[in-house]
Amino acid sequence: MAEPLDDYIDAVTKALALPVEEAWRASIRANLEVSLRLGRLVDEFALPDETEPAPVFTV
């Protein structure tokens, strides 16, 4: 049975018509695992309701 990330890699590469060599799949999977772990940290960080977005600075 395939892992969810493997299914995701298959679906995205098919949707984008992106050829991926089998040798790269482990690296792609590792990158996704790190990205998801870091995204989870950001998502779990609680902010009070009154938090305002940071201003945008332009030069």
N, C-alpha and C. Protein backbone atom coordinates (compact mmCIF):
# COMPACT_ATOMS: atom_id res chain seq x y z
N MET A 1 0.84 -1.19 0.00
CA MET A 1 0.00 0.00 0.00
C MET A 1 0.88 1.25 0.00
N ALA A 2 0.57 2.19 -0.85
CA ALA A 2 1.37 3.41 -0.98
C ALA A 2 1.11 4.35 0.19
N GLU A 3 2.11 5.13 0.52
CA GLU A 3 1.99 6.14 1.56
C GLU A 3 1.29 7.37 0.99
N PRO A 4 0.62 8.17 1.84
CA PRO A 4 -0.07 9.36 1.33
C PRO A 4 0.85 10.33 0.58
N LEU A 5 2.08 10.52 1.05
CA LEU A 5 2.99 11.42 0.34
C LEU A 5 3.36 10.87 -1.02
N ASP A 6 3.51 9.57 -1.12
CA ASP A 6 3.82 8.96 -2.42
C ASP A 6 2.64 9.17 -3.37
N ASP A 7 1.42 9.02 -2.86
CA ASP A 7 0.24 9.27 -3.69
C ASP A 7 0.19 10.74 -4.12
N TYR A 8 0.55 11.63 -3.22
CA TYR A 8 0.56 13.06 -3.52
C TYR A 8 1.59 13.37 -4.61
N ILE A 9 2.78 12.81 -4.47
CA ILE A 9 3.83 13.01 -5.47
C ILE A 9 3.35 12.51 -6.83
N ASP A 10 2.74 11.34 -6.85
CA ASP A 10 2.22 10.79 -8.10
C ASP A 10 1.17 11.72 -8.71
N ALA A 11 0.25 12.21 -7.90
CA ALA A 11 -0.83 13.06 -8.40
C ALA A 11 -0.30 14.40 -8.93
N VAL A 12 0.62 15.00 -8.21
CA VAL A 12 1.15 16.31 -8.62
C VAL A 12 2.00 16.18 -9.88
N THR A 13 2.84 15.18 -9.93
CA THR A 13 3.67 15.02 -11.12
C THR A 13 2.80 14.73 -12.35
N LYS A 14 1.73 14.00 -12.15
CA LYS A 14 0.81 13.72 -13.26
C LYS A 14 0.07 14.99 -13.67
N ALA A 15 -0.45 15.75 -12.69
CA ALA A 15 -1.21 16.96 -12.98
C ALA A 15 -0.34 18.00 -13.69
N LEU A 16 0.91 18.08 -13.32
CA LEU A 16 1.82 19.05 -13.93
C LEU A 16 2.57 18.50 -15.13
N ALA A 17 2.31 17.25 -15.45
CA ALA A 17 3.03 16.57 -16.54
C ALA A 17 4.55 16.74 -16.34
N LEU A 18 4.96 16.51 -15.11
CA LEU A 18 6.35 16.70 -14.71
C LEU A 18 7.04 15.35 -14.60
N PRO A 19 7.97 15.07 -15.50
CA PRO A 19 8.66 13.78 -15.39
C PRO A 19 9.62 13.79 -14.19
N VAL A 20 9.55 12.76 -13.38
CA VAL A 20 10.41 12.65 -12.21
C VAL A 20 11.07 11.28 -12.24
N GLU A 21 12.39 11.30 -12.20
CA GLU A 21 13.12 10.04 -12.18
C GLU A 21 12.92 9.37 -10.82
N GLU A 22 12.86 8.07 -10.85
CA GLU A 22 12.64 7.30 -9.62
C GLU A 22 13.71 7.59 -8.57
N ALA A 23 14.92 7.88 -9.00
CA ALA A 23 16.01 8.17 -8.06
C ALA A 23 15.75 9.44 -7.24
N TRP A 24 14.91 10.34 -7.73
CA TRP A 24 14.63 11.60 -7.04
C TRP A 24 13.46 11.50 -6.07
N ARG A 25 12.68 10.45 -6.13
CA ARG A 25 11.47 10.35 -5.30
C ARG A 25 11.77 10.43 -3.81
N ALA A 26 12.83 9.81 -3.36
CA ALA A 26 13.16 9.85 -1.92
C ALA A 26 13.49 11.27 -1.48
N SER A 27 14.19 12.02 -2.32
CA SER A 27 14.52 13.41 -1.98
C SER A 27 13.28 14.30 -1.99
N ILE A 28 12.41 14.08 -2.96
CA ILE A 28 11.16 14.84 -3.02
C ILE A 28 10.32 14.55 -1.78
N ARG A 29 10.24 13.29 -1.41
CA ARG A 29 9.47 12.90 -0.22
C ARG A 29 10.06 13.53 1.04
N ALA A 30 11.38 13.52 1.17
CA ALA A 30 12.04 14.11 2.34
C ALA A 30 11.77 15.61 2.41
N ASN A 31 11.83 16.29 1.26
CA ASN A 31 11.55 17.72 1.22
C ASN A 31 10.12 18.01 1.64
N LEU A 32 9.17 17.23 1.16
CA LEU A 32 7.78 17.42 1.55
C LEU A 32 7.57 17.18 3.04
N GLU A 33 8.23 16.17 3.59
CA GLU A 33 8.10 15.89 5.03
C GLU A 33 8.57 17.08 5.86
N VAL A 34 9.71 17.67 5.48
CA VAL A 34 10.24 18.83 6.20
C VAL A 34 9.30 20.02 6.03
N SER A 35 8.84 20.28 4.80
CA SER A 35 7.94 21.40 4.55
C SER A 35 6.65 21.26 5.34
N LEU A 36 6.09 20.07 5.38
CA LEU A 36 4.85 19.86 6.14
C LEU A 36 5.07 20.01 7.64
N ARG A 37 6.21 19.54 8.13
CA ARG A 37 6.51 19.67 9.56
C ARG A 37 6.66 21.15 9.94
N LEU A 38 7.35 21.94 9.11
CA LEU A 38 7.51 23.36 9.39
C LEU A 38 6.18 24.11 9.26
N GLY A 39 5.39 23.73 8.27
CA GLY A 39 4.07 24.34 8.10
C GLY A 39 3.17 24.06 9.29
N ARG A 40 3.28 22.86 9.84
CA ARG A 40 2.48 22.49 11.01
C ARG A 40 2.85 23.37 12.21
N LEU A 41 4.15 23.67 12.36
CA LEU A 41 4.58 24.55 13.46
C LEU A 41 3.96 25.94 13.33
N VAL A 42 3.94 26.47 12.12
CA VAL A 42 3.35 27.79 11.89
C VAL A 42 1.85 27.74 12.16
N ASP A 43 1.20 26.70 11.65
CA ASP A 43 -0.25 26.57 11.81
C ASP A 43 -0.66 26.42 13.27
N GLU A 44 0.15 25.76 14.07
CA GLU A 44 -0.19 25.51 15.47
C GLU A 44 0.13 26.68 16.39
N PHE A 45 0.84 27.70 15.87
CA PHE A 45 1.21 28.85 16.69
C PHE A 45 -0.03 29.71 16.92
N ALA A 46 -0.44 29.78 18.16
CA ALA A 46 -1.67 30.51 18.50
C ALA A 46 -1.42 32.02 18.50
N LEU A 47 -2.31 32.74 17.82
CA LEU A 47 -2.26 34.20 17.83
C LEU A 47 -3.55 34.72 18.43
N PRO A 48 -3.45 35.79 19.23
CA PRO A 48 -4.68 36.38 19.77
C PRO A 48 -5.53 36.96 18.64
N ASP A 49 -6.85 37.05 18.86
CA ASP A 49 -7.76 37.56 17.84
C ASP A 49 -7.46 39.00 17.45
N GLU A 50 -6.90 39.77 18.37
CA GLU A 50 -6.64 41.18 18.08
C GLU A 50 -5.31 41.42 17.35
N THR A 51 -4.62 40.38 16.96
CA THR A 51 -3.35 40.52 16.25
C THR A 51 -3.58 41.18 14.89
N GLU A 52 -2.77 42.18 14.59
CA GLU A 52 -2.87 42.90 13.33
C GLU A 52 -1.75 42.42 12.37
N PRO A 53 -2.03 42.43 11.09
CA PRO A 53 -0.97 42.06 10.14
C PRO A 53 0.14 43.10 10.15
N ALA A 54 1.32 42.67 9.84
CA ALA A 54 2.46 43.59 9.79
C ALA A 54 2.28 44.54 8.62
N PRO A 55 2.77 45.79 8.76
CA PRO A 55 2.68 46.72 7.64
C PRO A 55 3.61 46.27 6.51
N VAL A 56 3.32 46.76 5.34
CA VAL A 56 4.15 46.45 4.17
C VAL A 56 5.06 47.64 3.92
N PHE A 57 6.33 47.39 3.88
CA PHE A 57 7.30 48.45 3.62
C PHE A 57 7.77 48.34 2.18
N THR A 58 7.81 49.47 1.49
CA THR A 58 8.34 49.50 0.14
C THR A 58 9.44 50.54 0.07
N VAL A 59 10.34 50.37 -0.85
CA VAL A 59 11.46 51.31 -0.99
C VAL A 59 11.19 52.24 -2.14
